[in-house]
Amino acid sequence: MERIEVRPAVGRYDDFYEVVGVKKPGGKGCWCMAYRDSRVAQEDRPGYMRDECATEPGPGVLVYVDDVVAGWCSIAPRSTYRRLMNSRTIPFVDEREAWSAVCFVVRAGFRKRGLMHHLLAGAVEHAREHGAEVIEGYPVDVGAERVDVISGYVGTVRMFEAAGFTRAAETGGVSGGRRRWVMRRELGQGGLPQAVGG
């Protein structure tokens, strides 16, 4: 039986690098900076993310299978993502400080095991532990179809719904030609679960 755990990226830069880092000398890559601040030069991105992984609350969470790092989810307050704050396609639902889960990466060899579901659940708990009242994601709506790895980095509406999120607003954004949605999960005051019903 595999042991699957989700842990914060704080103090785990080397594991973050294993999943997201660019290994090829001189190679270019996102380093999970596209939403944070794409203006940061390629050569400065490793240092930027090393600093992010060194301070609370950190830039996200990592999933481990039998203590081997297998995947990553970027989860942080929306205000820390420059691209989201200036987005013309992803609307603000209200004025509260939402936490945003914007990116999922699962390493080759660990895919098709449901690890993105574990990452999202771990991201919710991480945000809750840091006082989040509401969490957002911006996944693609593919219905019952499968999604390719490139388009699916944002997750799917179906995955977010399975984690207790609901559709809050349609976006003007697309991934792989499919519409993206603002999905929200309310945690209530101080990160506590919001009461349901009357």
C-alpha atoms as a PDB file:
ATOM      1  CA  MET A   1       0.000   0.000   0.000  1.00  0.00           C
ATOM      2  CA  GLU A   2       1.472   3.356  -1.023  1.00  0.00           C
ATOM      3  CA  ARG A   3       1.849   5.994   1.674  1.00  0.00           C
ATOM      4  CA  ILE A   4       0.788   9.376   0.295  1.00  0.00           C
ATOM      5  CA  GLU A   5       1.459  12.576   2.245  1.00  0.00           C
ATOM      6  CA  VAL A   6       1.167  16.268   1.415  1.00  0.00           C
ATOM      7  CA  ARG A   7       3.630  18.637   3.068  1.00  0.00           C
ATOM      8  CA  PRO A   8       4.206  22.404   2.871  1.00  0.00           C
ATOM      9  CA  ALA A   9       7.080  23.507   0.645  1.00  0.00           C
ATOM     10  CA  VAL A  10       8.601  25.552   3.476  1.00  0.00           C
ATOM     11  CA  GLY A  11      12.099  24.174   4.085  1.00  0.00           C
ATOM     12  CA  ARG A  12      11.797  21.850   1.085  1.00  0.00           C
ATOM     13  CA  TYR A  13      13.259  23.829  -1.817  1.00  0.00           C
ATOM     14  CA  ASP A  14      15.258  20.832  -3.056  1.00  0.00           C
ATOM     15  CA  ASP A  15      12.048  18.820  -3.414  1.00  0.00           C
ATOM     16  CA  PHE A  16      10.326  21.749  -5.138  1.00  0.00           C
ATOM     17  CA  TYR A  17      13.281  21.887  -7.537  1.00  0.00           C
ATOM     18  CA  GLU A  18      12.987  18.166  -8.223  1.00  0.00           C
ATOM     19  CA  VAL A  19       9.397  18.638  -9.422  1.00  0.00           C
ATOM     20  CA  VAL A  20       9.410  22.113 -11.008  1.00  0.00           C
ATOM     21  CA  GLY A  21      13.032  23.139 -11.508  1.00  0.00           C
ATOM     22  CA  VAL A  22      14.758  23.273 -14.864  1.00  0.00           C
ATOM     23  CA  LYS A  23      17.543  20.661 -14.881  1.00  0.00           C
ATOM     24  CA  LYS A  24      19.097  21.413 -18.280  1.00  0.00           C
ATOM     25  CA  PRO A  25      21.955  23.951 -18.037  1.00  0.00           C
ATOM     26  CA  GLY A  26      20.812  27.186 -19.660  1.00  0.00           C
ATOM     27  CA  GLY A  27      17.284  25.804 -20.043  1.00  0.00           C
ATOM     28  CA  LYS A  28      14.260  28.026 -19.640  1.00  0.00           C
ATOM     29  CA  GLY A  29      11.152  27.241 -17.682  1.00  0.00           C
ATOM     30  CA  CYS A  30       8.335  28.644 -15.621  1.00  0.00           C
ATOM     31  CA  TRP A  31       9.678  27.773 -12.146  1.00  0.00           C
ATOM     32  CA  CYS A  32       6.046  28.422 -11.115  1.00  0.00           C
ATOM     33  CA  MET A  33       6.659  32.134 -11.699  1.00  0.00           C
ATOM     34  CA  ALA A  34       4.135  32.759 -14.490  1.00  0.00           C
ATOM     35  CA  TYR A  35       1.442  33.813 -12.009  1.00  0.00           C
ATOM     36  CA  ARG A  36       3.751  35.235  -9.344  1.00  0.00           C
ATOM     37  CA  ASP A  37       5.844  37.608 -11.450  1.00  0.00           C
ATOM     38  CA  SER A  38       6.865  36.668 -14.979  1.00  0.00           C
ATOM     39  CA  ARG A  39       9.122  39.730 -15.121  1.00  0.00           C
ATOM     40  CA  VAL A  40      11.705  37.916 -12.970  1.00  0.00           C
ATOM     41  CA  ALA A  41      14.603  36.896 -15.217  1.00  0.00           C
ATOM     42  CA  GLN A  42      15.216  33.187 -15.841  1.00  0.00           C
ATOM     43  CA  GLU A  43      18.525  33.213 -13.991  1.00  0.00           C
ATOM     44  CA  ASP A  44      16.883  34.814 -10.934  1.00  0.00           C
ATOM     45  CA  ARG A  45      13.913  32.455 -10.666  1.00  0.00           C
ATOM     46  CA  PRO A  46      15.641  29.658  -8.703  1.00  0.00           C
ATOM     47  CA  GLY A  47      16.772  32.157  -6.065  1.00  0.00           C
ATOM     48  CA  TYR A  48      13.339  33.764  -5.926  1.00  0.00           C
ATOM     49  CA  MET A  49      11.647  30.427  -5.277  1.00  0.00           C
ATOM     50  CA  ARG A  50      14.367  29.360  -2.827  1.00  0.00           C
ATOM     51  CA  ASP A  51      13.508  32.472  -0.782  1.00  0.00           C
ATOM     52  CA  GLU A  52       9.779  31.680  -1.067  1.00  0.00           C
ATOM     53  CA  CYS A  53      10.413  28.163   0.249  1.00  0.00           C
ATOM     54  CA  ALA A  54      12.395  29.581   3.172  1.00  0.00           C
ATOM     55  CA  THR A  55       9.616  31.691   4.689  1.00  0.00           C
ATOM     56  CA  GLU A  56       6.079  31.038   5.941  1.00  0.00           C
ATOM     57  CA  PRO A  57       3.556  30.376   4.530  1.00  0.00           C
ATOM     58  CA  GLY A  58       5.676  29.270   1.559  1.00  0.00           C
ATOM     59  CA  PRO A  59       4.635  29.066  -2.087  1.00  0.00           C
ATOM     60  CA  GLY A  60       2.694  25.809  -2.025  1.00  0.00           C
ATOM     61  CA  VAL A  61       2.580  22.144  -1.090  1.00  0.00           C
ATOM     62  CA  LEU A  62       4.300  18.964  -2.253  1.00  0.00           C
ATOM     63  CA  VAL A  63       2.938  15.431  -2.434  1.00  0.00           C
ATOM     64  CA  TYR A  64       5.082  12.434  -1.522  1.00  0.00           C
ATOM     65  CA  VAL A  65       4.607   8.761  -2.370  1.00  0.00           C
ATOM     66  CA  ASP A  66       6.502   6.597   0.110  1.00  0.00           C
ATOM     67  CA  ASP A  67       8.647   9.649   0.957  1.00  0.00           C
ATOM     68  CA  VAL A  68       9.572  10.307  -2.689  1.00  0.00           C
ATOM     69  CA  VAL A  69       8.471  13.731  -3.904  1.00  0.00           C
ATOM     70  CA  ALA A  70       5.919  13.257  -6.685  1.00  0.00           C
ATOM     71  CA  GLY A  71       4.076  16.524  -7.296  1.00  0.00           C
ATOM     72  CA  TRP A  72       3.450  20.171  -6.537  1.00  0.00           C
ATOM     73  CA  CYS A  73       0.560  22.607  -6.069  1.00  0.00           C
ATOM     74  CA  SER A  74       1.037  26.364  -5.944  1.00  0.00           C
ATOM     75  CA  ILE A  75      -1.250  27.730  -3.201  1.00  0.00           C
ATOM     76  CA  ALA A  76      -0.860  31.226  -1.744  1.00  0.00           C
ATOM     77  CA  PRO A  77      -2.871  34.408  -1.136  1.00  0.00           C
ATOM     78  CA  ARG A  78      -4.169  35.839  -4.412  1.00  0.00           C
ATOM     79  CA  SER A  79      -2.462  39.152  -3.615  1.00  0.00           C
ATOM     80  CA  THR A  80       0.943  37.441  -4.010  1.00  0.00           C
ATOM     81  CA  TYR A  81       0.246  36.558  -7.649  1.00  0.00           C
ATOM     82  CA  ARG A  82       0.942  39.614  -9.798  1.00  0.00           C
ATOM     83  CA  ARG A  83      -0.702  38.041 -12.865  1.00  0.00           C
ATOM     84  CA  LEU A  84      -3.950  37.380 -10.981  1.00  0.00           C
ATOM     85  CA  MET A  85      -4.068  40.855  -9.471  1.00  0.00           C
ATOM     86  CA  ASN A  86      -3.769  42.373 -12.953  1.00  0.00           C
ATOM     87  CA  SER A  87      -5.787  39.755 -14.856  1.00  0.00           C
ATOM     88  CA  ARG A  88      -8.334  40.871 -17.429  1.00  0.00           C
ATOM     89  CA  THR A  89      -9.768  37.363 -17.761  1.00  0.00           C
ATOM     90  CA  ILE A  90     -10.036  36.025 -14.182  1.00  0.00           C
ATOM     91  CA  PRO A  91     -12.483  38.191 -12.209  1.00  0.00           C
ATOM     92  CA  PHE A  92     -12.525  39.032  -8.513  1.00  0.00           C
ATOM     93  CA  VAL A  93     -15.626  37.506  -6.893  1.00  0.00           C
ATOM     94  CA  ASP A  94     -15.539  39.851  -3.895  1.00  0.00           C
ATOM     95  CA  GLU A  95     -13.084  41.953  -1.895  1.00  0.00           C
ATOM     96  CA  ARG A  96     -11.960  39.250   0.526  1.00  0.00           C
ATOM     97  CA  GLU A  97      -8.394  37.931   0.468  1.00  0.00           C
ATOM     98  CA  ALA A  98      -8.832  34.581  -1.221  1.00  0.00           C
ATOM     99  CA  TRP A  99      -6.059  32.010  -1.389  1.00  0.00           C
ATOM    100  CA  SER A 100      -5.499  30.730  -4.929  1.00  0.00           C
ATOM    101  CA  ALA A 101      -4.469  27.271  -6.113  1.00  0.00           C
ATOM    102  CA  VAL A 102      -3.162  28.042  -9.590  1.00  0.00           C
ATOM    103  CA  CYS A 103      -0.903  25.222 -10.715  1.00  0.00           C
ATOM    104  CA  PHE A 104      -0.511  21.460 -10.348  1.00  0.00           C
ATOM    105  CA  VAL A 105       2.491  19.421 -11.480  1.00  0.00           C
ATOM    106  CA  VAL A 106       2.820  15.652 -11.104  1.00  0.00           C
ATOM    107  CA  ARG A 107       6.121  14.029 -12.100  1.00  0.00           C
ATOM    108  CA  ALA A 108       6.276  11.465 -14.878  1.00  0.00           C
ATOM    109  CA  GLY A 109       6.011   8.005 -13.361  1.00  0.00           C
ATOM    110  CA  PHE A 110       3.523   9.178 -10.728  1.00  0.00           C
ATOM    111  CA  ARG A 111       0.645  10.233 -12.969  1.00  0.00           C
ATOM    112  CA  LYS A 112      -2.807   8.590 -13.142  1.00  0.00           C
ATOM    113  CA  ARG A 113      -2.740   7.837  -9.425  1.00  0.00           C
ATOM    114  CA  GLY A 114      -5.085  10.620  -8.309  1.00  0.00           C
ATOM    115  CA  LEU A 115      -2.278  12.687  -6.823  1.00  0.00           C
ATOM    116  CA  MET A 116      -3.804  15.973  -7.978  1.00  0.00           C
ATOM    117  CA  HIS A 117      -6.760  15.231  -5.675  1.00  0.00           C
ATOM    118  CA  HIS A 118      -4.329  14.747  -2.779  1.00  0.00           C
ATOM    119  CA  LEU A 119      -2.518  17.961  -3.709  1.00  0.00           C
ATOM    120  CA  LEU A 120      -5.741  19.978  -3.729  1.00  0.00           C
ATOM    121  CA  ALA A 121      -6.853  18.532  -0.384  1.00  0.00           C
ATOM    122  CA  GLY A 122      -3.435  19.334   1.071  1.00  0.00           C
ATOM    123  CA  ALA A 123      -3.541  22.842  -0.379  1.00  0.00           C
ATOM    124  CA  VAL A 124      -6.900  23.453   1.319  1.00  0.00           C
ATOM    125  CA  GLU A 125      -5.524  22.291   4.663  1.00  0.00           C
ATOM    126  CA  HIS A 126      -2.373  24.388   4.248  1.00  0.00           C
ATOM    127  CA  ALA A 127      -4.445  27.502   3.520  1.00  0.00           C
ATOM    128  CA  ARG A 128      -6.808  26.713   6.418  1.00  0.00           C
ATOM    129  CA  GLU A 129      -3.871  26.408   8.827  1.00  0.00           C
ATOM    130  CA  HIS A 130      -2.736  29.885   7.770  1.00  0.00           C
ATOM    131  CA  GLY A 131      -6.138  31.476   8.406  1.00  0.00           C
ATOM    132  CA  ALA A 132      -7.652  31.459   4.918  1.00  0.00           C
ATOM    133  CA  GLU A 133     -11.390  32.126   4.828  1.00  0.00           C
ATOM    134  CA  VAL A 134     -11.919  31.285   1.176  1.00  0.00           C
ATOM    135  CA  ILE A 135      -9.927  29.350  -1.416  1.00  0.00           C
ATOM    136  CA  GLU A 136     -10.111  29.714  -5.190  1.00  0.00           C
ATOM    137  CA  GLY A 137      -8.936  27.774  -8.202  1.00  0.00           C
ATOM    138  CA  TYR A 138      -9.266  28.526 -11.914  1.00  0.00           C
ATOM    139  CA  PRO A 139      -9.624  25.105 -13.563  1.00  0.00           C
ATOM    140  CA  VAL A 140     -10.678  24.093 -17.038  1.00  0.00           C
ATOM    141  CA  ASP A 141     -14.155  22.652 -17.705  1.00  0.00           C
ATOM    142  CA  VAL A 142     -13.729  19.420 -19.655  1.00  0.00           C
ATOM    143  CA  GLY A 143     -16.912  17.667 -18.568  1.00  0.00           C
ATOM    144  CA  ALA A 144     -16.353  13.921 -18.399  1.00  0.00           C
ATOM    145  CA  GLU A 145     -13.447  13.971 -20.870  1.00  0.00           C
ATOM    146  CA  ARG A 146      -9.791  13.554 -19.974  1.00  0.00           C
ATOM    147  CA  VAL A 147      -7.521  16.561 -20.203  1.00  0.00           C
ATOM    148  CA  ASP A 148      -3.987  16.652 -21.573  1.00  0.00           C
ATOM    149  CA  VAL A 149      -1.047  17.374 -19.254  1.00  0.00           C
ATOM    150  CA  ILE A 150      -0.346  20.822 -20.710  1.00  0.00           C
ATOM    151  CA  SER A 151      -3.921  22.122 -20.457  1.00  0.00           C
ATOM    152  CA  GLY A 152      -4.559  20.327 -17.176  1.00  0.00           C
ATOM    153  CA  TYR A 153      -1.954  22.131 -15.077  1.00  0.00           C
ATOM    154  CA  VAL A 154      -4.783  24.326 -13.745  1.00  0.00           C
ATOM    155  CA  GLY A 155      -6.871  21.314 -12.705  1.00  0.00           C
ATOM    156  CA  THR A 156     -10.396  20.476 -13.804  1.00  0.00           C
ATOM    157  CA  VAL A 157     -13.768  21.729 -12.633  1.00  0.00           C
ATOM    158  CA  ARG A 158     -14.681  18.121 -11.834  1.00  0.00           C
ATOM    159  CA  MET A 159     -11.641  17.740  -9.557  1.00  0.00           C
ATOM    160  CA  PHE A 160     -12.424  20.949  -7.679  1.00  0.00           C
ATOM    161  CA  GLU A 161     -16.084  19.976  -7.292  1.00  0.00           C
ATOM    162  CA  ALA A 162     -14.999  16.653  -5.780  1.00  0.00           C
ATOM    163  CA  ALA A 163     -13.042  18.673  -3.189  1.00  0.00           C
ATOM    164  CA  GLY A 164     -16.076  20.724  -2.154  1.00  0.00           C
ATOM    165  CA  PHE A 165     -15.578  23.740  -4.429  1.00  0.00           C
ATOM    166  CA  THR A 166     -18.453  25.341  -6.339  1.00  0.00           C
ATOM    167  CA  ARG A 167     -18.572  27.485  -9.467  1.00  0.00           C
ATOM    168  CA  ALA A 168     -18.402  31.145  -8.471  1.00  0.00           C
ATOM    169  CA  ALA A 169     -17.863  32.888 -11.810  1.00  0.00           C
ATOM    170  CA  GLU A 170     -17.059  32.142 -15.419  1.00  0.00           C
ATOM    171  CA  THR A 171     -13.726  33.548 -16.543  1.00  0.00           C
ATOM    172  CA  GLY A 172     -12.658  34.987 -19.861  1.00  0.00           C
ATOM    173  CA  GLY A 173      -9.726  32.570 -19.827  1.00  0.00           C
ATOM    174  CA  VAL A 174      -9.278  29.267 -21.617  1.00  0.00           C
ATOM    175  CA  SER A 175      -6.838  26.367 -21.399  1.00  0.00           C
ATOM    176  CA  GLY A 176      -6.543  23.967 -24.293  1.00  0.00           C
ATOM    177  CA  GLY A 177      -9.488  25.734 -25.916  1.00  0.00           C
ATOM    178  CA  ARG A 178     -11.759  24.995 -22.917  1.00  0.00           C
ATOM    179  CA  ARG A 179     -13.395  27.573 -20.664  1.00  0.00           C
ATOM    180  CA  ARG A 180     -11.945  28.132 -17.195  1.00  0.00           C
ATOM    181  CA  TRP A 181     -14.029  28.860 -14.085  1.00  0.00           C
ATOM    182  CA  VAL A 182     -13.454  30.532 -10.744  1.00  0.00           C
ATOM    183  CA  MET A 183     -14.103  27.710  -8.281  1.00  0.00           C
ATOM    184  CA  ARG A 184     -14.494  28.611  -4.607  1.00  0.00           C
ATOM    185  CA  ARG A 185     -14.570  26.855  -1.270  1.00  0.00           C
ATOM    186  CA  GLU A 186     -15.623  28.763   1.816  1.00  0.00           C
ATOM    187  CA  LEU A 187     -13.795  27.998   5.046  1.00  0.00           C
ATOM    188  CA  GLY A 188     -15.463  30.657   7.191  1.00  0.00           C
ATOM    189  CA  GLN A 189     -13.982  32.962   9.799  1.00  0.00           C
ATOM    190  CA  GLY A 190     -10.401  32.212  10.755  1.00  0.00           C
ATOM    191  CA  GLY A 191     -10.166  29.217   8.431  1.00  0.00           C
ATOM    192  CA  LEU A 192     -12.879  27.202  10.171  1.00  0.00           C
ATOM    193  CA  PRO A 193     -15.289  25.186   8.008  1.00  0.00           C
ATOM    194  CA  GLN A 194     -18.330  27.221   7.019  1.00  0.00           C
ATOM    195  CA  ALA A 195     -21.637  25.963   8.383  1.00  0.00           C
ATOM    196  CA  VAL A 196     -23.978  24.469   5.822  1.00  0.00           C
ATOM    197  CA  GLY A 197     -27.721  24.925   6.066  1.00  0.00           C
ATOM    198  CA  GLY A 198     -29.736  26.857   8.620  1.00  0.00           C
END
